[in-house]
Amino acid sequence: MMVLLSPTLALAELPGGDTGAKLTSDLAASPEGDEIMAGCNYSIWLYDSYGDGWNGCSLDVFVNGALVLDNITLSSGSGPAIFSFPVTEGAEITTLFNAGSWIYEPYYYVYDYNNVQVFYVPNNGNPVIYPGQLYAACPPGGAVEGYVFNYYGLAIAGAIVGQEDGPTTTTDASGYYFLSDVAAGDQVILAYKTGYNVASAVVTIIANSTVTQDFTLTQPNMVISPLFIEQTLNPNEYYTTNISILNMGMVLLAGWQKSSTR
């Protein structure tokens, strides 16, 4: 029987169970070089004038032509049914009304990031926000800069630094990064590179200013000795030996797998 041990290194999990591998995909969704303005959240409040819900009517909400809320509705009562959606400074907000029954009952309001009403659409039978009518206004953003190091304090080039579903950047040869267009306030900033675990920090971003945040990335490193065992056995014989598994890295190993061939 030959027993082969094949280590599977699991990256440390982020809050909510997200892993470093997932983060790579999420951060890469905002390609470096795209202009991403500081953002904020708006909300839309749905009401019904008769008080029995929207009766099959629904609404689609678009930001710069991209669908952000799909078929939202007020299921019953007078409302409100409240839905939040992300916007960026100057983004155009439009809606599409999907008619059901009693189309002259639905109406709604739009509120900004400070919960201030910025738009009202009456119950006119086709309650929509047309292009050119509503543009988002967000608070000014800031920037964060710093360096990404490994456990030994050496620079890591090519690390991704940024926010999920937000702006990202990449470290240079010295490990330095500069991340701009980040919304003001407490923001979760993430750093990651293939082969390393994810590092995160809550950074207080100051409008029209640059703050500093460094990151240290750790690596798991499983060493197995021996790498394989080969032994020929006759029926009803058994063989016992020792295998050592050592973590030479700077973070806990989350798991490993073994496989055997006969």
Protein backbone atom coordinates (compact mmCIF):
# COMPACT_ATOMS: atom_id res chain seq x y z
CA MET A 1 0.00 0.00 0.00
CA MET A 2 1.21 3.51 -0.81
CA VAL A 3 -0.15 6.36 1.24
CA LEU A 4 0.23 9.87 -0.16
CA LEU A 5 -0.34 12.93 1.98
CA SER A 6 -1.55 15.96 0.05
CA PRO A 7 -1.76 19.09 2.22
CA THR A 8 -4.55 21.54 1.56
CA LEU A 9 -3.80 24.90 3.16
CA ALA A 10 -6.92 26.81 4.11
CA LEU A 11 -6.58 30.56 4.37
CA ALA A 12 -7.78 32.29 7.50
CA GLU A 13 -11.44 33.16 7.35
CA LEU A 14 -12.76 36.70 7.39
CA PRO A 15 -15.79 37.63 9.49
CA GLY A 16 -18.84 35.92 8.04
CA GLY A 17 -16.81 33.00 6.67
CA ASP A 18 -15.26 34.71 3.65
CA THR A 19 -11.82 33.42 2.71
CA GLY A 20 -8.79 34.99 1.17
CA ALA A 21 -9.48 33.20 -2.10
CA LYS A 22 -12.91 34.81 -2.32
CA LEU A 23 -11.47 38.19 -1.47
CA THR A 24 -9.10 38.01 -4.41
CA SER A 25 -12.04 37.64 -6.76
CA ASP A 26 -14.01 40.40 -5.09
CA LEU A 27 -11.20 42.91 -5.11
CA ALA A 28 -10.29 42.10 -8.67
CA ALA A 29 -13.81 43.03 -9.67
CA SER A 30 -12.73 46.68 -9.56
CA PRO A 31 -9.86 46.76 -12.08
CA GLU A 32 -6.94 48.95 -11.22
CA GLY A 33 -7.04 52.15 -13.19
CA ASP A 34 -10.83 52.54 -13.20
CA GLU A 35 -11.96 55.81 -11.61
CA ILE A 36 -14.04 54.98 -8.56
CA MET A 37 -15.46 57.95 -6.70
CA ALA A 38 -16.19 57.98 -2.97
CA GLY A 39 -19.61 56.46 -2.43
CA CYS A 40 -22.49 56.45 0.01
CA ASN A 41 -25.90 54.82 0.42
CA TYR A 42 -29.27 56.20 -0.67
CA SER A 43 -32.65 54.71 0.21
CA ILE A 44 -36.05 54.50 -1.44
CA TRP A 45 -39.29 54.34 0.61
CA LEU A 46 -42.32 52.73 -1.02
CA TYR A 47 -45.89 53.70 -0.06
CA ASP A 48 -49.43 52.83 -1.17
CA SER A 49 -52.24 55.40 -1.08
CA TYR A 50 -55.02 52.84 -0.52
CA GLY A 51 -53.14 50.82 2.07
CA ASP A 52 -53.22 47.35 0.53
CA GLY A 53 -49.71 47.08 -0.94
CA TRP A 54 -48.66 47.44 -4.54
CA ASN A 55 -50.86 44.64 -5.93
CA GLY A 56 -48.33 43.16 -8.33
CA CYS A 57 -46.61 46.44 -9.19
CA SER A 58 -42.86 46.69 -8.68
CA LEU A 59 -39.93 49.01 -9.26
CA ASP A 60 -36.42 48.67 -10.69
CA VAL A 61 -33.77 51.15 -9.56
CA PHE A 62 -30.74 52.02 -11.69
CA VAL A 63 -27.53 53.92 -10.91
CA ASN A 64 -25.72 55.17 -14.00
CA GLY A 65 -27.76 52.68 -16.00
CA ALA A 66 -26.79 49.69 -13.83
CA LEU A 67 -29.54 47.80 -12.03
CA VAL A 68 -29.08 48.03 -8.24
CA LEU A 69 -32.58 47.10 -6.99
CA ASP A 70 -34.66 44.58 -8.93
CA ASN A 71 -38.45 44.28 -8.70
CA ILE A 72 -38.78 45.84 -5.26
CA THR A 73 -42.35 46.16 -4.02
CA LEU A 74 -44.61 46.88 -1.06
CA SER A 75 -46.20 43.53 -0.26
CA SER A 76 -49.01 44.86 1.95
CA GLY A 77 -50.21 47.85 3.91
CA SER A 78 -49.53 51.54 3.41
CA GLY A 79 -45.76 51.34 3.85
CA PRO A 80 -43.07 52.24 3.95
CA ALA A 81 -41.02 49.41 2.55
CA ILE A 82 -37.44 50.71 2.69
CA PHE A 83 -34.63 49.64 0.36
CA SER A 84 -31.04 50.87 0.44
CA PHE A 85 -28.69 51.07 -2.53
CA PRO A 86 -25.12 52.31 -3.15
CA VAL A 87 -24.34 55.41 -5.20
CA THR A 88 -21.30 57.48 -6.08
CA GLU A 89 -20.92 61.23 -6.29
CA GLY A 90 -22.75 62.60 -9.32
CA ALA A 91 -24.28 59.24 -10.31
CA GLU A 92 -27.59 59.40 -12.17
CA ILE A 93 -30.49 57.63 -10.45
CA THR A 94 -33.43 56.40 -12.55
CA THR A 95 -36.29 53.97 -12.05
CA LEU A 96 -38.55 51.71 -14.10
CA PHE A 97 -42.11 51.01 -12.97
CA ASN A 98 -43.47 47.51 -13.62
CA ALA A 99 -47.25 47.79 -13.72
CA GLY A 100 -49.58 45.41 -11.92
CA SER A 101 -53.06 46.21 -10.64
CA TRP A 102 -54.19 49.57 -9.22
CA ILE A 103 -51.31 51.49 -10.78
CA TYR A 104 -52.51 54.83 -9.40
CA GLU A 105 -51.83 53.82 -5.79
CA PRO A 106 -47.99 53.37 -5.61
CA TYR A 107 -45.73 56.32 -4.78
CA TYR A 108 -42.32 56.71 -3.17
CA TYR A 109 -39.61 58.98 -1.77
CA VAL A 110 -35.82 58.92 -2.18
CA TYR A 111 -33.53 59.83 0.72
CA ASP A 112 -29.80 60.62 0.70
CA TYR A 113 -27.00 59.33 2.97
CA ASN A 114 -28.11 61.76 5.71
CA ASN A 115 -31.70 60.50 5.49
CA VAL A 116 -32.78 63.77 3.90
CA GLN A 117 -35.55 63.57 1.29
CA VAL A 118 -34.18 64.42 -2.16
CA PHE A 119 -36.98 63.25 -4.46
CA TYR A 120 -40.70 62.44 -4.47
CA VAL A 121 -42.60 60.47 -7.11
CA PRO A 122 -46.41 60.79 -6.81
CA ASN A 123 -49.03 58.13 -7.55
CA ASN A 124 -49.55 59.17 -11.17
CA GLY A 125 -49.99 55.76 -12.81
CA ASN A 126 -46.36 55.56 -13.95
CA PRO A 127 -44.22 56.65 -11.00
CA VAL A 128 -40.71 56.77 -12.46
CA ILE A 129 -37.58 58.89 -12.14
CA TYR A 130 -36.52 59.86 -15.64
CA PRO A 131 -32.94 60.44 -16.85
CA GLY A 132 -31.67 63.86 -15.88
CA GLN A 133 -33.98 64.28 -12.89
CA LEU A 134 -31.91 62.96 -9.98
CA TYR A 135 -28.17 62.82 -9.32
CA ALA A 136 -26.48 61.52 -6.18
CA ALA A 137 -24.45 63.72 -3.85
CA CYS A 138 -22.08 61.99 -1.43
CA PRO A 139 -19.80 63.42 1.27
CA PRO A 140 -16.22 64.05 0.14
CA GLY A 141 -13.90 61.07 0.48
CA GLY A 142 -10.32 60.68 1.60
CA ALA A 143 -7.33 58.45 1.02
CA VAL A 144 -5.21 55.94 2.89
CA GLU A 145 -1.57 55.08 2.27
CA GLY A 146 1.01 52.79 3.79
CA TYR A 147 3.16 49.71 3.31
CA VAL A 148 2.51 45.98 3.17
CA PHE A 149 5.13 43.76 4.82
CA ASN A 150 5.61 40.09 5.51
CA TYR A 151 6.14 38.67 9.00
CA TYR A 152 9.85 39.53 8.85
CA GLY A 153 9.26 43.15 7.89
CA LEU A 154 10.18 42.73 4.23
CA ALA A 155 8.19 44.56 1.57
CA ILE A 156 5.54 42.67 -0.40
CA ALA A 157 5.14 43.91 -3.96
CA GLY A 158 1.95 43.25 -5.93
CA ALA A 159 -0.33 42.96 -2.91
CA ILE A 160 -3.94 44.09 -3.40
CA VAL A 161 -5.19 46.73 -0.99
CA GLY A 162 -8.74 48.05 -0.99
CA GLN A 163 -12.37 47.48 -0.11
CA GLU A 164 -14.76 44.77 -1.18
CA ASP A 165 -17.02 46.28 -3.85
CA GLY A 166 -14.95 49.45 -3.70
CA PRO A 167 -11.67 51.05 -4.76
CA THR A 168 -8.51 48.94 -4.91
CA THR A 169 -4.84 49.46 -5.63
CA THR A 170 -1.62 47.41 -5.78
CA THR A 171 1.61 47.80 -3.85
CA ASP A 172 4.80 48.79 -5.69
CA ALA A 173 8.25 47.22 -5.38
CA SER A 174 8.78 48.87 -1.99
CA GLY A 175 5.45 47.58 -0.66
CA TYR A 176 3.92 51.07 -0.77
CA TYR A 177 0.29 51.68 -1.72
CA PHE A 178 -1.96 54.72 -2.09
CA LEU A 179 -5.73 54.14 -2.04
CA SER A 180 -7.92 57.11 -3.00
CA ASP A 181 -11.65 57.81 -3.29
CA VAL A 182 -12.55 56.08 -0.02
CA ALA A 183 -15.71 57.26 1.72
CA ALA A 184 -15.15 59.27 4.88
CA GLY A 185 -15.72 57.53 8.22
CA ASP A 186 -14.72 54.15 9.62
CA GLN A 187 -13.97 51.84 6.68
CA VAL A 188 -12.72 48.24 6.51
CA ILE A 189 -9.55 48.14 4.39
CA LEU A 190 -8.21 44.74 3.26
CA ALA A 191 -4.80 43.59 2.07
CA TYR A 192 -4.09 40.31 0.30
CA LYS A 193 -1.71 38.51 -2.01
CA THR A 194 -1.79 34.94 -3.32
CA GLY A 195 0.00 32.67 -0.85
CA TYR A 196 -0.72 34.94 2.11
CA ASN A 197 -3.62 35.26 4.49
CA VAL A 198 -5.93 38.26 4.35
CA ALA A 199 -5.21 41.18 6.67
CA SER A 200 -7.87 43.73 7.53
CA ALA A 201 -8.09 46.94 9.51
CA VAL A 202 -10.81 49.43 10.38
CA VAL A 203 -9.42 52.77 9.25
CA THR A 204 -10.95 56.16 10.06
CA ILE A 205 -10.97 58.00 6.74
CA ILE A 206 -10.93 61.81 6.93
CA ALA A 207 -12.53 63.80 4.13
CA ASN A 208 -10.03 65.50 1.80
CA SER A 209 -7.11 64.05 3.79
CA THR A 210 -4.74 61.07 3.69
CA VAL A 211 -4.30 58.73 6.65
CA THR A 212 -1.71 55.98 7.13
CA GLN A 213 -2.26 52.26 7.65
CA ASP A 214 0.38 49.52 7.29
CA PHE A 215 -0.38 45.82 6.91
CA THR A 216 1.52 42.64 7.80
CA LEU A 217 0.65 39.51 5.81
CA THR A 218 1.34 36.04 7.20
CA GLN A 219 1.81 32.70 5.45
CA PRO A 220 1.04 29.11 6.43
CA ASN A 221 3.80 26.64 5.47
CA MET A 222 3.15 22.93 6.01
CA VAL A 223 6.17 20.64 6.01
CA ILE A 224 5.49 16.87 5.90
CA SER A 225 8.15 14.23 6.40
CA PRO A 226 8.30 11.80 4.72
CA LEU A 227 6.36 13.03 1.69
CA PHE A 228 5.26 9.50 0.78
CA ILE A 229 5.41 5.98 2.24
CA GLU A 230 5.70 2.88 0.12
CA GLN A 231 5.39 -0.56 1.69
CA THR A 232 4.39 -3.95 0.25
CA LEU A 233 2.14 -5.97 2.55
CA ASN A 234 0.83 -9.51 2.39
CA PRO A 235 -2.79 -10.25 3.28
CA ASN A 236 -3.55 -9.78 7.00
CA GLU A 237 -0.26 -7.93 7.57
CA TYR A 238 -0.05 -4.39 8.83
CA TYR A 239 2.64 -1.74 8.93
CA THR A 240 3.06 1.13 11.39
CA THR A 241 5.24 4.18 10.90
CA ASN A 242 5.41 7.82 11.94
CA ILE A 243 4.72 10.93 9.87
CA SER A 244 5.63 14.40 11.07
CA ILE A 245 3.61 17.46 10.10
CA LEU A 246 5.20 20.78 10.98
CA ASN A 247 3.93 24.30 10.41
CA MET A 248 6.95 26.46 9.58
CA GLY A 249 4.79 29.48 8.76
CA MET A 250 3.47 32.34 10.83
CA VAL A 251 -0.23 31.44 10.97
CA LEU A 252 -2.30 28.41 11.98
CA LEU A 253 -3.04 25.73 9.39
CA ALA A 254 -6.78 25.26 8.99
CA GLY A 255 -6.70 21.72 7.62
CA TRP A 256 -5.12 19.08 5.39
CA GLN A 257 -6.18 15.98 3.48
CA LYS A 258 -4.67 12.61 2.84
CA SER A 259 -5.15 10.25 -0.07
CA SER A 260 -4.09 6.66 -0.54
CA THR A 261 -3.38 4.43 -3.54
CA ARG A 262 -3.18 0.66 -3.55
